[in-house]
Amino acid sequence: MKRAASLILIAALAASTPALAEKTAPASKVLPFLDRYLKVPAAERARVKLSYALKRDGKPASNLKVVMVEKNGARTPLPVNADGYFDSLPTLSQLDGDPTLVLDVPSDAKMGSMMNFGAQLKPAAEYDARELAATVNEANTMIGKAAGPMAFMAPKMTGVAFPKADGGVAIFADGHIASLPQAEGTPYFRPADHQGAVRVKLTKTPTKVGFYDGKK
């Protein structure tokens, strides 16, 4: 069964960057697709979020010190948390200046970056099914706009996934319910499979909310 896309999204549009052989690297190489994402109007990506993690020797680069250096010499810290994810990211104007990232690691350290595409929805035990459907639609619209001519290669989100929720049901207006399917133990809601659903109720509050890109 296909893995829930909320965990890690790696596709032609969002491939991991090559290993960083030096202590510095162009921000565009470490943070691919970020500039395209930021060029989509904020109102059209309000339900989705993009995050990046750094890895060292295949493991999360926890609490790594990273500084962004712009062409004009301006330096901005980009803290990395205990899970290896950036706490903040460059703005579009900063990226337009082709900044460089300086990583506090030996020059021969094997580094890589990973992109995670998720939903802005906060973890909860129950959701409005229409809001979940709107989140999926907005994600696909945003990806298509950001990908431009390469949209045909971009991943298509079909649902919303709820890691660690154990299980859940879709509740319909007439009162009947349907169990949510699961992918590798993660329940997910696909609007196309539950047309007419008004609520989604989970067994447990998920650790986060992400996207599912499976066809069933």
N, C-alpha and C. Protein backbone atom coordinates (compact mmCIF):
# COMPACT_ATOMS: atom_id res chain seq x y z
N MET A 1 0.85 -1.20 0.00
CA MET A 1 0.00 0.00 0.00
C MET A 1 0.88 1.24 0.00
N LYS A 2 0.44 2.23 -0.69
CA LYS A 2 1.26 3.42 -0.86
C LYS A 2 1.40 4.21 0.44
N ARG A 3 2.57 4.73 0.67
CA ARG A 3 2.86 5.46 1.89
C ARG A 3 2.16 6.82 1.94
N ALA A 4 1.73 7.22 3.12
CA ALA A 4 1.08 8.52 3.28
C ALA A 4 2.03 9.64 2.94
N ALA A 5 1.58 10.58 2.13
CA ALA A 5 2.46 11.65 1.66
C ALA A 5 2.80 12.64 2.75
N SER A 6 2.09 12.61 3.87
CA SER A 6 2.37 13.55 4.95
C SER A 6 3.72 13.29 5.60
N LEU A 7 4.21 12.07 5.48
CA LEU A 7 5.45 11.74 6.17
C LEU A 7 6.64 12.37 5.47
N ILE A 8 6.86 12.04 4.23
CA ILE A 8 7.93 12.66 3.45
C ILE A 8 7.47 12.71 2.00
N LEU A 9 7.58 13.86 1.38
CA LEU A 9 7.21 13.99 -0.02
C LEU A 9 8.48 14.12 -0.84
N ILE A 10 8.80 13.10 -1.61
CA ILE A 10 9.99 13.13 -2.45
C ILE A 10 9.55 12.73 -3.85
N ALA A 11 9.65 13.66 -4.79
CA ALA A 11 9.24 13.40 -6.16
C ALA A 11 10.13 14.20 -7.09
N ALA A 12 9.85 14.13 -8.39
CA ALA A 12 10.67 14.88 -9.35
C ALA A 12 10.67 16.36 -9.03
N LEU A 13 9.55 16.83 -8.51
CA LEU A 13 9.42 18.24 -8.18
C LEU A 13 10.14 18.59 -6.89
N ALA A 14 10.35 17.60 -6.03
CA ALA A 14 10.87 17.87 -4.69
C ALA A 14 11.92 16.85 -4.29
N ALA A 15 12.90 16.64 -5.15
CA ALA A 15 13.92 15.65 -4.86
C ALA A 15 14.91 16.15 -3.84
N SER A 16 15.49 15.21 -3.07
CA SER A 16 16.52 15.59 -2.13
C SER A 16 17.71 16.16 -2.90
N THR A 17 18.41 17.11 -2.31
CA THR A 17 19.55 17.71 -2.96
C THR A 17 20.74 16.77 -2.89
N PRO A 18 21.72 16.91 -3.78
CA PRO A 18 22.91 16.08 -3.71
C PRO A 18 23.67 16.37 -2.42
N ALA A 19 24.57 15.47 -2.06
CA ALA A 19 25.37 15.67 -0.86
C ALA A 19 26.17 16.96 -0.98
N LEU A 20 26.22 17.71 0.08
CA LEU A 20 26.97 18.96 0.09
C LEU A 20 28.42 18.67 0.44
N ALA A 21 29.31 18.90 -0.52
CA ALA A 21 30.71 18.54 -0.31
C ALA A 21 31.48 19.63 0.41
N GLU A 22 30.91 20.82 0.51
CA GLU A 22 31.59 21.94 1.15
C GLU A 22 30.80 22.44 2.35
N LYS A 23 31.42 23.36 3.05
CA LYS A 23 30.77 23.94 4.23
C LYS A 23 29.70 24.94 3.82
N THR A 24 29.76 25.43 2.60
CA THR A 24 28.76 26.38 2.10
C THR A 24 28.07 25.79 0.88
N ALA A 25 26.85 26.27 0.63
CA ALA A 25 26.09 25.80 -0.52
C ALA A 25 25.06 26.84 -0.89
N PRO A 26 24.71 26.95 -2.18
CA PRO A 26 23.66 27.89 -2.59
C PRO A 26 22.34 27.53 -1.92
N ALA A 27 21.62 28.53 -1.46
CA ALA A 27 20.33 28.28 -0.81
C ALA A 27 19.38 27.57 -1.76
N SER A 28 19.47 27.85 -3.05
CA SER A 28 18.59 27.22 -4.03
C SER A 28 18.80 25.72 -4.12
N LYS A 29 20.01 25.25 -3.78
CA LYS A 29 20.29 23.81 -3.81
C LYS A 29 19.80 23.12 -2.55
N VAL A 30 19.91 23.81 -1.43
CA VAL A 30 19.48 23.24 -0.15
C VAL A 30 17.97 23.32 0.01
N LEU A 31 17.36 24.36 -0.56
CA LEU A 31 15.93 24.60 -0.41
C LEU A 31 15.24 24.63 -1.77
N PRO A 32 15.27 23.54 -2.51
CA PRO A 32 14.65 23.53 -3.84
C PRO A 32 13.15 23.74 -3.77
N PHE A 33 12.61 24.42 -4.78
CA PHE A 33 11.17 24.65 -4.92
C PHE A 33 10.64 25.77 -4.02
N LEU A 34 11.43 26.23 -3.04
CA LEU A 34 10.93 27.24 -2.10
C LEU A 34 10.57 28.53 -2.83
N ASP A 35 11.40 28.96 -3.77
CA ASP A 35 11.12 30.21 -4.47
C ASP A 35 9.81 30.11 -5.27
N ARG A 36 9.55 28.97 -5.90
CA ARG A 36 8.32 28.78 -6.66
C ARG A 36 7.10 28.78 -5.74
N TYR A 37 7.26 28.16 -4.59
CA TYR A 37 6.18 28.13 -3.60
C TYR A 37 5.84 29.54 -3.13
N LEU A 38 6.86 30.35 -2.84
CA LEU A 38 6.64 31.70 -2.33
C LEU A 38 6.08 32.65 -3.38
N LYS A 39 6.24 32.31 -4.65
CA LYS A 39 5.71 33.15 -5.72
C LYS A 39 4.20 32.98 -5.90
N VAL A 40 3.65 31.91 -5.36
CA VAL A 40 2.20 31.74 -5.37
C VAL A 40 1.62 32.65 -4.31
N PRO A 41 0.59 33.46 -4.63
CA PRO A 41 0.01 34.38 -3.63
C PRO A 41 -0.31 33.66 -2.32
N ALA A 42 0.00 34.34 -1.21
CA ALA A 42 -0.17 33.74 0.11
C ALA A 42 -1.59 33.22 0.34
N ALA A 43 -2.58 33.92 -0.16
CA ALA A 43 -3.98 33.51 0.03
C ALA A 43 -4.28 32.18 -0.65
N GLU A 44 -3.47 31.84 -1.66
CA GLU A 44 -3.71 30.61 -2.41
C GLU A 44 -2.93 29.43 -1.86
N ARG A 45 -2.17 29.64 -0.81
CA ARG A 45 -1.41 28.55 -0.18
C ARG A 45 -1.56 28.59 1.34
N ALA A 46 -2.65 29.19 1.79
CA ALA A 46 -2.87 29.34 3.23
C ALA A 46 -3.08 28.01 3.94
N ARG A 47 -3.55 27.01 3.22
CA ARG A 47 -3.84 25.72 3.85
C ARG A 47 -2.67 24.74 3.78
N VAL A 48 -1.59 25.13 3.12
CA VAL A 48 -0.46 24.21 2.95
C VAL A 48 0.82 24.85 3.48
N LYS A 49 1.78 24.01 3.79
CA LYS A 49 3.05 24.53 4.28
C LYS A 49 4.19 23.69 3.73
N LEU A 50 5.34 24.33 3.64
CA LEU A 50 6.53 23.68 3.12
C LEU A 50 7.60 23.75 4.21
N SER A 51 8.25 22.65 4.48
CA SER A 51 9.33 22.66 5.47
C SER A 51 10.51 21.86 4.93
N TYR A 52 11.68 22.15 5.46
CA TYR A 52 12.91 21.50 5.00
C TYR A 52 13.72 21.00 6.18
N ALA A 53 14.35 19.86 5.99
CA ALA A 53 15.22 19.30 7.02
C ALA A 53 16.60 19.05 6.43
N LEU A 54 17.61 19.18 7.26
CA LEU A 54 18.97 18.85 6.86
C LEU A 54 19.35 17.50 7.44
N LYS A 55 20.09 16.75 6.66
CA LYS A 55 20.58 15.46 7.13
C LYS A 55 22.10 15.40 7.02
N ARG A 56 22.69 14.70 7.95
CA ARG A 56 24.13 14.50 7.95
C ARG A 56 24.40 13.01 8.06
N ASP A 57 25.08 12.47 7.08
CA ASP A 57 25.32 11.03 7.02
C ASP A 57 24.00 10.25 7.12
N GLY A 58 22.95 10.79 6.50
CA GLY A 58 21.68 10.11 6.45
C GLY A 58 20.81 10.26 7.68
N LYS A 59 21.27 11.01 8.68
CA LYS A 59 20.51 11.20 9.91
C LYS A 59 20.18 12.68 10.10
N PRO A 60 19.11 13.01 10.84
CA PRO A 60 18.76 14.42 11.06
C PRO A 60 19.93 15.21 11.64
N ALA A 61 20.21 16.38 11.07
CA ALA A 61 21.29 17.25 11.56
C ALA A 61 20.73 18.12 12.67
N SER A 62 20.57 17.55 13.85
CA SER A 62 19.91 18.22 14.97
C SER A 62 20.65 19.47 15.44
N ASN A 63 19.85 20.53 15.66
CA ASN A 63 20.36 21.77 16.26
C ASN A 63 21.60 22.33 15.55
N LEU A 64 21.64 22.18 14.26
CA LEU A 64 22.78 22.68 13.48
C LEU A 64 22.69 24.20 13.32
N LYS A 65 23.83 24.86 13.37
CA LYS A 65 23.88 26.30 13.16
C LYS A 65 24.05 26.56 11.66
N VAL A 66 23.11 27.33 11.11
CA VAL A 66 23.15 27.68 9.68
C VAL A 66 22.95 29.19 9.57
N VAL A 67 23.76 29.81 8.73
CA VAL A 67 23.65 31.25 8.51
C VAL A 67 23.49 31.50 7.01
N MET A 68 22.52 32.32 6.66
CA MET A 68 22.34 32.72 5.26
C MET A 68 23.12 34.00 5.01
N VAL A 69 23.94 33.98 3.97
CA VAL A 69 24.74 35.15 3.62
C VAL A 69 24.30 35.66 2.26
N GLU A 70 23.79 36.89 2.23
CA GLU A 70 23.34 37.49 0.97
C GLU A 70 24.49 38.16 0.24
N LYS A 71 24.27 38.51 -1.02
CA LYS A 71 25.32 39.12 -1.82
C LYS A 71 25.81 40.44 -1.25
N ASN A 72 24.93 41.14 -0.53
CA ASN A 72 25.32 42.43 0.06
C ASN A 72 26.02 42.26 1.41
N GLY A 73 26.23 41.01 1.80
CA GLY A 73 26.93 40.74 3.06
C GLY A 73 26.02 40.53 4.25
N ALA A 74 24.73 40.77 4.11
CA ALA A 74 23.80 40.58 5.22
C ALA A 74 23.78 39.12 5.64
N ARG A 75 23.80 38.91 6.95
CA ARG A 75 23.83 37.55 7.50
C ARG A 75 22.59 37.32 8.37
N THR A 76 21.89 36.23 8.10
CA THR A 76 20.68 35.91 8.84
C THR A 76 20.75 34.47 9.35
N PRO A 77 20.67 34.27 10.67
CA PRO A 77 20.66 32.90 11.20
C PRO A 77 19.39 32.17 10.77
N LEU A 78 19.53 30.90 10.43
CA LEU A 78 18.41 30.04 10.10
C LEU A 78 18.49 28.82 11.02
N PRO A 79 17.96 28.94 12.24
CA PRO A 79 18.09 27.86 13.22
C PRO A 79 17.49 26.53 12.73
N VAL A 80 18.14 25.45 13.11
CA VAL A 80 17.66 24.10 12.80
C VAL A 80 17.31 23.44 14.13
N ASN A 81 16.11 22.87 14.23
CA ASN A 81 15.66 22.32 15.51
C ASN A 81 16.19 20.91 15.76
N ALA A 82 15.72 20.30 16.83
CA ALA A 82 16.22 18.99 17.24
C ALA A 82 15.89 17.89 16.23
N ASP A 83 14.87 18.11 15.40
CA ASP A 83 14.50 17.12 14.39
C ASP A 83 15.19 17.37 13.05
N GLY A 84 16.04 18.39 13.01
CA GLY A 84 16.76 18.69 11.77
C GLY A 84 16.04 19.65 10.85
N TYR A 85 14.86 20.16 11.24
CA TYR A 85 14.09 21.07 10.39
C TYR A 85 14.44 22.54 10.66
N PHE A 86 14.42 23.34 9.60
CA PHE A 86 14.63 24.78 9.75
C PHE A 86 13.44 25.38 10.49
N ASP A 87 13.72 26.20 11.49
CA ASP A 87 12.65 26.90 12.21
C ASP A 87 12.12 28.07 11.40
N SER A 88 12.93 28.63 10.53
CA SER A 88 12.51 29.73 9.66
C SER A 88 13.20 29.57 8.32
N LEU A 89 12.62 30.18 7.29
CA LEU A 89 13.14 30.06 5.93
C LEU A 89 13.33 31.43 5.31
N PRO A 90 14.17 31.53 4.29
CA PRO A 90 14.37 32.83 3.61
C PRO A 90 13.09 33.33 2.96
N THR A 91 13.00 34.65 2.79
CA THR A 91 11.88 35.24 2.08
C THR A 91 12.16 35.18 0.58
N LEU A 92 11.15 35.48 -0.21
CA LEU A 92 11.33 35.46 -1.66
C LEU A 92 12.36 36.48 -2.09
N SER A 93 12.34 37.68 -1.50
CA SER A 93 13.30 38.71 -1.88
C SER A 93 14.72 38.28 -1.55
N GLN A 94 14.89 37.56 -0.46
CA GLN A 94 16.23 37.08 -0.11
C GLN A 94 16.69 36.01 -1.09
N LEU A 95 15.80 35.13 -1.49
CA LEU A 95 16.15 34.08 -2.43
C LEU A 95 16.49 34.63 -3.80
N ASP A 96 15.83 35.72 -4.18
CA ASP A 96 16.09 36.34 -5.48
C ASP A 96 17.53 36.84 -5.59
N GLY A 97 18.16 37.06 -4.44
CA GLY A 97 19.54 37.54 -4.44
C GLY A 97 20.57 36.43 -4.44
N ASP A 98 20.13 35.17 -4.68
CA ASP A 98 21.05 34.02 -4.72
C ASP A 98 21.95 33.94 -3.48
N PRO A 99 21.35 33.86 -2.29
CA PRO A 99 22.17 33.78 -1.07
C PRO A 99 22.87 32.43 -0.93
N THR A 100 23.84 32.42 -0.05
CA THR A 100 24.59 31.20 0.26
C THR A 100 24.31 30.80 1.70
N LEU A 101 24.23 29.51 1.95
CA LEU A 101 24.07 29.01 3.31
C LEU A 101 25.40 28.50 3.83
N VAL A 102 25.74 28.92 5.03
CA VAL A 102 26.97 28.47 5.67
C VAL A 102 26.57 27.54 6.81
N LEU A 103 27.03 26.30 6.74
CA LEU A 103 26.67 25.29 7.73
C LEU A 103 27.85 25.04 8.67
N ASP A 104 27.55 24.96 9.93
CA ASP A 104 28.59 24.77 10.94
C ASP A 104 28.96 23.29 11.05
N VAL A 105 29.58 22.78 9.98
CA VAL A 105 30.04 21.39 9.93
C VAL A 105 31.39 21.36 9.21
N PRO A 106 32.17 20.31 9.39
CA PRO A 106 33.44 20.19 8.65
C PRO A 106 33.18 20.21 7.15
N SER A 107 34.14 20.70 6.40
CA SER A 107 33.95 20.84 4.95
C SER A 107 33.73 19.51 4.25
N ASP A 108 34.16 18.40 4.85
CA ASP A 108 33.99 17.10 4.20
C ASP A 108 32.76 16.34 4.71
N ALA A 109 31.92 17.00 5.52
CA ALA A 109 30.72 16.35 6.04
C ALA A 109 29.75 16.05 4.90
N LYS A 110 29.15 14.88 4.93
CA LYS A 110 28.18 14.48 3.90
C LYS A 110 26.80 15.00 4.32
N MET A 111 26.34 16.01 3.61
CA MET A 111 25.09 16.66 3.95
C MET A 111 24.06 16.50 2.83
N GLY A 112 22.82 16.59 3.20
CA GLY A 112 21.73 16.55 2.23
C GLY A 112 20.53 17.27 2.80
N SER A 113 19.55 17.59 1.97
CA SER A 113 18.34 18.25 2.46
C SER A 113 17.12 17.49 1.97
N MET A 114 16.02 17.64 2.68
CA MET A 114 14.79 16.94 2.38
C MET A 114 13.62 17.90 2.54
N MET A 115 12.68 17.83 1.60
CA MET A 115 11.52 18.70 1.65
C MET A 115 10.29 17.93 2.13
N ASN A 116 9.48 18.58 2.96
CA ASN A 116 8.26 17.97 3.45
C ASN A 116 7.09 18.91 3.13
N PHE A 117 6.10 18.39 2.45
CA PHE A 117 4.94 19.16 2.04
C PHE A 117 3.77 18.72 2.90
N GLY A 118 3.24 19.62 3.73
CA GLY A 118 2.17 19.24 4.64
C GLY A 118 1.03 20.24 4.69
N ALA A 119 0.05 19.92 5.53
CA ALA A 119 -1.13 20.77 5.69
C ALA A 119 -0.98 21.69 6.89
N GLN A 120 -1.63 22.83 6.83
CA GLN A 120 -1.61 23.79 7.94
C GLN A 120 -2.58 23.39 9.04
N LEU A 121 -3.42 22.41 8.81
CA LEU A 121 -4.38 21.98 9.81
C LEU A 121 -3.69 21.54 11.10
N LYS A 122 -4.22 21.96 12.23
CA LYS A 122 -3.65 21.56 13.50
C LYS A 122 -4.19 20.18 13.89
N PRO A 123 -3.39 19.40 14.61
CA PRO A 123 -3.86 18.09 15.05
C PRO A 123 -5.12 18.22 15.91
N ALA A 124 -6.14 17.42 15.61
CA ALA A 124 -7.40 17.45 16.35
C ALA A 124 -8.05 16.07 16.23
N ALA A 125 -9.04 15.83 17.05
CA ALA A 125 -9.73 14.54 17.03
C ALA A 125 -10.88 14.51 16.03
N GLU A 126 -11.28 15.70 15.55
CA GLU A 126 -12.41 15.77 14.62
C GLU A 126 -12.24 16.93 13.66
N TYR A 127 -12.67 16.73 12.40
CA TYR A 127 -12.52 17.76 11.37
C TYR A 127 -13.79 17.88 10.54
N ASP A 128 -13.96 19.07 9.97
CA ASP A 128 -15.01 19.31 8.99
C ASP A 128 -14.53 18.69 7.67
N ALA A 129 -15.29 17.76 7.14
CA ALA A 129 -14.88 17.07 5.92
C ALA A 129 -14.73 18.03 4.74
N ARG A 130 -15.53 19.09 4.72
CA ARG A 130 -15.44 20.06 3.63
C ARG A 130 -14.14 20.84 3.69
N GLU A 131 -13.65 21.11 4.90
CA GLU A 131 -12.37 21.80 5.04
C GLU A 131 -11.22 20.89 4.60
N LEU A 132 -11.34 19.60 4.88
CA LEU A 132 -10.32 18.66 4.43
C LEU A 132 -10.28 18.61 2.89
N ALA A 133 -11.46 18.59 2.28
CA ALA A 133 -11.53 18.58 0.82
C ALA A 133 -10.95 19.86 0.24
N ALA A 134 -11.24 21.00 0.87
CA ALA A 134 -10.72 22.28 0.40
C ALA A 134 -9.20 22.31 0.52
N THR A 135 -8.66 21.69 1.56
CA THR A 135 -7.22 21.64 1.75
C THR A 135 -6.55 20.84 0.64
N VAL A 136 -7.15 19.72 0.27
CA VAL A 136 -6.60 18.89 -0.81
C VAL A 136 -6.65 19.66 -2.13
N ASN A 137 -7.77 20.31 -2.42
CA ASN A 137 -7.91 21.06 -3.67
C ASN A 137 -6.91 22.20 -3.75
N GLU A 138 -6.73 22.92 -2.63
CA GLU A 138 -5.79 24.04 -2.63
C GLU A 138 -4.36 23.55 -2.83
N ALA A 139 -4.04 22.42 -2.23
CA ALA A 139 -2.69 21.87 -2.39
C ALA A 139 -2.39 21.57 -3.86
N ASN A 140 -3.32 20.94 -4.53
CA ASN A 140 -3.10 20.60 -5.94
C ASN A 140 -3.05 21.83 -6.83
N THR A 141 -3.88 22.82 -6.54
CA THR A 141 -3.85 24.05 -7.32
C THR A 141 -2.52 24.77 -7.13
N MET A 142 -2.07 24.83 -5.87
CA MET A 142 -0.81 25.51 -5.59
C MET A 142 0.36 24.79 -6.25
N ILE A 143 0.40 23.48 -6.17
CA ILE A 143 1.48 22.71 -6.78
C ILE A 143 1.49 22.93 -8.29
N GLY A 144 0.31 22.94 -8.89
CA GLY A 144 0.24 23.14 -10.33
C GLY A 144 0.76 24.51 -10.75
N LYS A 145 0.39 25.55 -9.99
CA LYS A 145 0.86 26.90 -10.31
C LYS A 145 2.37 27.03 -10.10
N ALA A 146 2.86 26.45 -9.03
CA ALA A 146 4.29 26.56 -8.73
C ALA A 146 5.13 25.75 -9.72
N ALA A 147 4.60 24.62 -10.16
CA ALA A 147 5.36 23.76 -11.07
C ALA A 147 5.40 24.33 -12.48
N GLY A 148 4.39 25.10 -12.85
CA GLY A 148 4.38 25.69 -14.19
C GLY A 148 4.36 24.62 -15.28
N PRO A 149 5.28 24.73 -16.27
CA PRO A 149 5.31 23.76 -17.37
C PRO A 149 5.58 22.33 -16.91
N MET A 150 6.13 22.17 -15.71
CA MET A 150 6.44 20.84 -15.21
C MET A 150 5.30 20.26 -14.37
N ALA A 151 4.13 20.89 -14.41
CA ALA A 151 3.01 20.46 -13.59
C ALA A 151 2.62 18.99 -13.84
N PHE A 152 2.82 18.52 -15.07
CA PHE A 152 2.45 17.14 -15.38
C PHE A 152 3.30 16.14 -14.61
N MET A 153 4.48 16.58 -14.13
CA MET A 153 5.36 15.69 -13.36
C MET A 153 5.13 15.82 -11.85
N ALA A 154 4.36 16.81 -11.46
CA ALA A 154 4.17 17.07 -10.03
C ALA A 154 3.26 16.03 -9.40
N PRO A 155 3.49 15.73 -8.11
CA PRO A 155 2.62 14.78 -7.42
C PRO A 155 1.22 15.36 -7.25
N LYS A 156 0.22 14.50 -7.24
CA LYS A 156 -1.16 14.95 -7.05
C LYS A 156 -1.66 14.40 -5.72
N MET A 157 -2.11 15.29 -4.85
CA MET A 157 -2.63 14.88 -3.56
C MET A 157 -4.08 14.43 -3.71
N THR A 158 -4.41 13.31 -3.10
CA THR A 158 -5.77 12.79 -3.21
C THR A 158 -6.51 12.80 -1.87
N GLY A 159 -5.77 13.03 -0.80
CA GLY A 159 -6.42 13.01 0.50
C GLY A 159 -5.56 13.60 1.59
N VAL A 160 -6.04 13.49 2.81
CA VAL A 160 -5.36 14.00 4.00
C VAL A 160 -5.07 12.82 4.92
N ALA A 161 -3.84 12.77 5.45
CA ALA A 161 -3.41 11.66 6.30
C ALA A 161 -3.24 12.11 7.74
N PHE A 162 -3.45 11.18 8.67
CA PHE A 162 -3.42 11.49 10.10
C PHE A 162 -2.49 10.52 10.85
N PRO A 163 -1.19 10.77 10.84
CA PRO A 163 -0.24 9.88 11.51
C PRO A 163 -0.53 9.70 12.99
N LYS A 164 -0.43 8.46 13.44
CA LYS A 164 -0.60 8.08 14.86
C LYS A 164 -2.03 8.27 15.37
N ALA A 165 -2.99 8.40 14.48
CA ALA A 165 -4.38 8.57 14.92
C ALA A 165 -5.05 7.22 15.20
N ASP A 166 -4.40 6.14 14.82
CA ASP A 166 -4.88 4.76 15.01
C ASP A 166 -6.02 4.39 14.07
N GLY A 167 -7.02 5.23 13.93
CA GLY A 167 -8.15 4.93 13.07
C GLY A 167 -9.11 6.10 13.03
N GLY A 168 -10.23 5.93 12.33
CA GLY A 168 -11.20 7.01 12.26
C GLY A 168 -12.36 6.65 11.37
N VAL A 169 -13.36 7.53 11.35
CA VAL A 169 -14.54 7.30 10.52
C VAL A 169 -14.96 8.59 9.84
N ALA A 170 -15.62 8.45 8.71
CA ALA A 170 -16.25 9.58 8.03
C ALA A 170 -17.72 9.53 8.40
N ILE A 171 -18.27 10.67 8.79
CA ILE A 171 -19.67 10.74 9.22
C ILE A 171 -20.47 11.52 8.17
N PHE A 172 -21.60 10.97 7.75
CA PHE A 172 -22.40 11.57 6.70
C PHE A 172 -23.63 12.28 7.27
N ALA A 173 -24.24 13.12 6.47
CA ALA A 173 -25.37 13.94 6.93
C ALA A 173 -26.54 13.10 7.42
N ASP A 174 -26.73 11.92 6.84
CA ASP A 174 -27.86 11.07 7.25
C ASP A 174 -27.53 10.23 8.48
N GLY A 175 -26.31 10.42 9.02
CA GLY A 175 -25.95 9.72 10.24
C GLY A 175 -25.12 8.46 10.05
N HIS A 176 -25.05 7.92 8.85
CA HIS A 176 -24.26 6.70 8.69
C HIS A 176 -22.78 7.02 8.66
N ILE A 177 -21.97 6.03 8.99
CA ILE A 177 -20.52 6.23 9.07
C ILE A 177 -19.79 5.22 8.20
N ALA A 178 -18.54 5.56 7.86
CA ALA A 178 -17.69 4.66 7.09
C ALA A 178 -16.28 4.75 7.66
N SER A 179 -15.67 3.61 7.86
CA SER A 179 -14.31 3.59 8.42
C SER A 179 -13.32 4.17 7.42
N LEU A 180 -12.33 4.89 7.94
CA LEU A 180 -11.28 5.43 7.09
C LEU A 180 -10.29 4.33 6.73
N PRO A 181 -9.84 4.28 5.50
CA PRO A 181 -8.80 3.31 5.12
C PRO A 181 -7.48 3.72 5.74
N GLN A 182 -6.49 2.82 5.70
CA GLN A 182 -5.19 3.11 6.27
C GLN A 182 -4.08 2.72 5.30
N ALA A 183 -2.97 3.45 5.39
CA ALA A 183 -1.77 3.14 4.63
C ALA A 183 -0.63 2.98 5.62
N GLU A 184 -0.13 1.76 5.77
CA GLU A 184 0.95 1.48 6.70
C GLU A 184 0.61 1.97 8.11
N GLY A 185 -0.62 1.73 8.53
CA GLY A 185 -1.04 2.09 9.87
C GLY A 185 -1.49 3.53 10.05
N THR A 186 -1.47 4.32 8.97
CA THR A 186 -1.89 5.73 9.05
C THR A 186 -3.25 5.91 8.38
N PRO A 187 -4.28 6.30 9.13
CA PRO A 187 -5.59 6.52 8.51
C PRO A 187 -5.58 7.77 7.62
N TYR A 188 -6.35 7.72 6.56
CA TYR A 188 -6.42 8.88 5.67
C TYR A 188 -7.84 9.05 5.14
N PHE A 189 -8.14 10.28 4.75
CA PHE A 189 -9.45 10.63 4.22
C PHE A 189 -9.30 11.12 2.79
N ARG A 190 -9.95 10.43 1.86
CA ARG A 190 -9.97 10.84 0.45
C ARG A 190 -11.36 11.34 0.12
N PRO A 191 -11.51 12.65 -0.15
CA PRO A 191 -12.84 13.21 -0.46
C PRO A 191 -13.57 12.46 -1.57
N ALA A 192 -12.85 11.99 -2.58
CA ALA A 192 -13.49 11.30 -3.70
C ALA A 192 -14.14 9.99 -3.27
N ASP A 193 -13.61 9.38 -2.19
CA ASP A 193 -14.15 8.11 -1.72
C ASP A 193 -15.28 8.29 -0.70
N HIS A 194 -15.41 9.50 -0.19
CA HIS A 194 -16.42 9.75 0.85
C HIS A 194 -17.24 11.01 0.51
N GLN A 195 -17.74 11.04 -0.71
CA GLN A 195 -18.54 12.19 -1.12
C GLN A 195 -19.82 12.28 -0.28
N GLY A 196 -20.08 13.47 0.22
CA GLY A 196 -21.24 13.67 1.07
C GLY A 196 -20.91 13.62 2.55
N ALA A 197 -19.66 13.29 2.90
CA ALA A 197 -19.26 13.26 4.31
C ALA A 197 -19.25 14.68 4.86
N VAL A 198 -19.64 14.83 6.12
CA VAL A 198 -19.66 16.15 6.74
C VAL A 198 -18.62 16.29 7.86
N ARG A 199 -18.28 15.17 8.50
CA ARG A 199 -17.29 15.20 9.57
C ARG A 199 -16.36 14.00 9.44
N VAL A 200 -15.15 14.17 9.97
CA VAL A 200 -14.21 13.06 10.10
C VAL A 200 -13.81 12.99 11.56
N LYS A 201 -14.04 11.84 12.17
CA LYS A 201 -13.73 11.67 13.58
C LYS A 201 -12.66 10.61 13.74
N LEU A 202 -11.58 10.95 14.48
CA LEU A 202 -10.45 10.06 14.64
C LEU A 202 -10.45 9.38 16.00
N THR A 203 -9.84 8.21 16.06
CA THR A 203 -9.74 7.47 17.32
C THR A 203 -8.86 8.22 18.31
N LYS A 204 -7.77 8.77 17.80
CA LYS A 204 -6.83 9.55 18.62
C LYS A 204 -6.43 10.80 17.85
N THR A 205 -6.01 11.82 18.58
CA THR A 205 -5.50 13.02 17.92
C THR A 205 -4.18 12.69 17.23
N PRO A 206 -4.04 12.99 15.95
CA PRO A 206 -2.79 12.66 15.24
C PRO A 206 -1.63 13.54 15.70
N THR A 207 -0.43 13.10 15.42
CA THR A 207 0.75 13.89 15.78
C THR A 207 0.90 15.09 14.86
N LYS A 208 0.38 14.98 13.63
CA LYS A 208 0.39 16.07 12.66
C LYS A 208 -0.61 15.72 11.56
N VAL A 209 -0.78 16.61 10.64
CA VAL A 209 -1.71 16.37 9.52
C VAL A 209 -0.94 16.60 8.23
N GLY A 210 -1.02 15.65 7.33
CA GLY A 210 -0.31 15.78 6.07
C GLY A 210 -1.17 15.35 4.90
N PHE A 211 -0.53 15.08 3.78
CA PHE A 211 -1.26 14.72 2.58
C PHE A 211 -1.03 13.25 2.21
N TYR A 212 -2.02 12.72 1.52
CA TYR A 212 -1.94 11.36 0.99
C TYR A 212 -2.01 11.47 -0.53
N ASP A 213 -1.16 10.71 -1.23
CA ASP A 213 -1.14 10.82 -2.68
C ASP A 213 -1.46 9.51 -3.38
N GLY A 214 -2.03 8.55 -2.64
CA GLY A 214 -2.40 7.29 -3.23
C GLY A 214 -3.68 7.37 -4.04
N LYS A 215 -3.91 6.37 -4.88
CA LYS A 215 -5.10 6.36 -5.72
C LYS A 215 -6.23 5.53 -5.11
N LYS A 216 -5.95 4.93 -3.95
CA LYS A 216 -7.01 4.17 -3.27
C LYS A 216 -6.65 4.02 -1.81
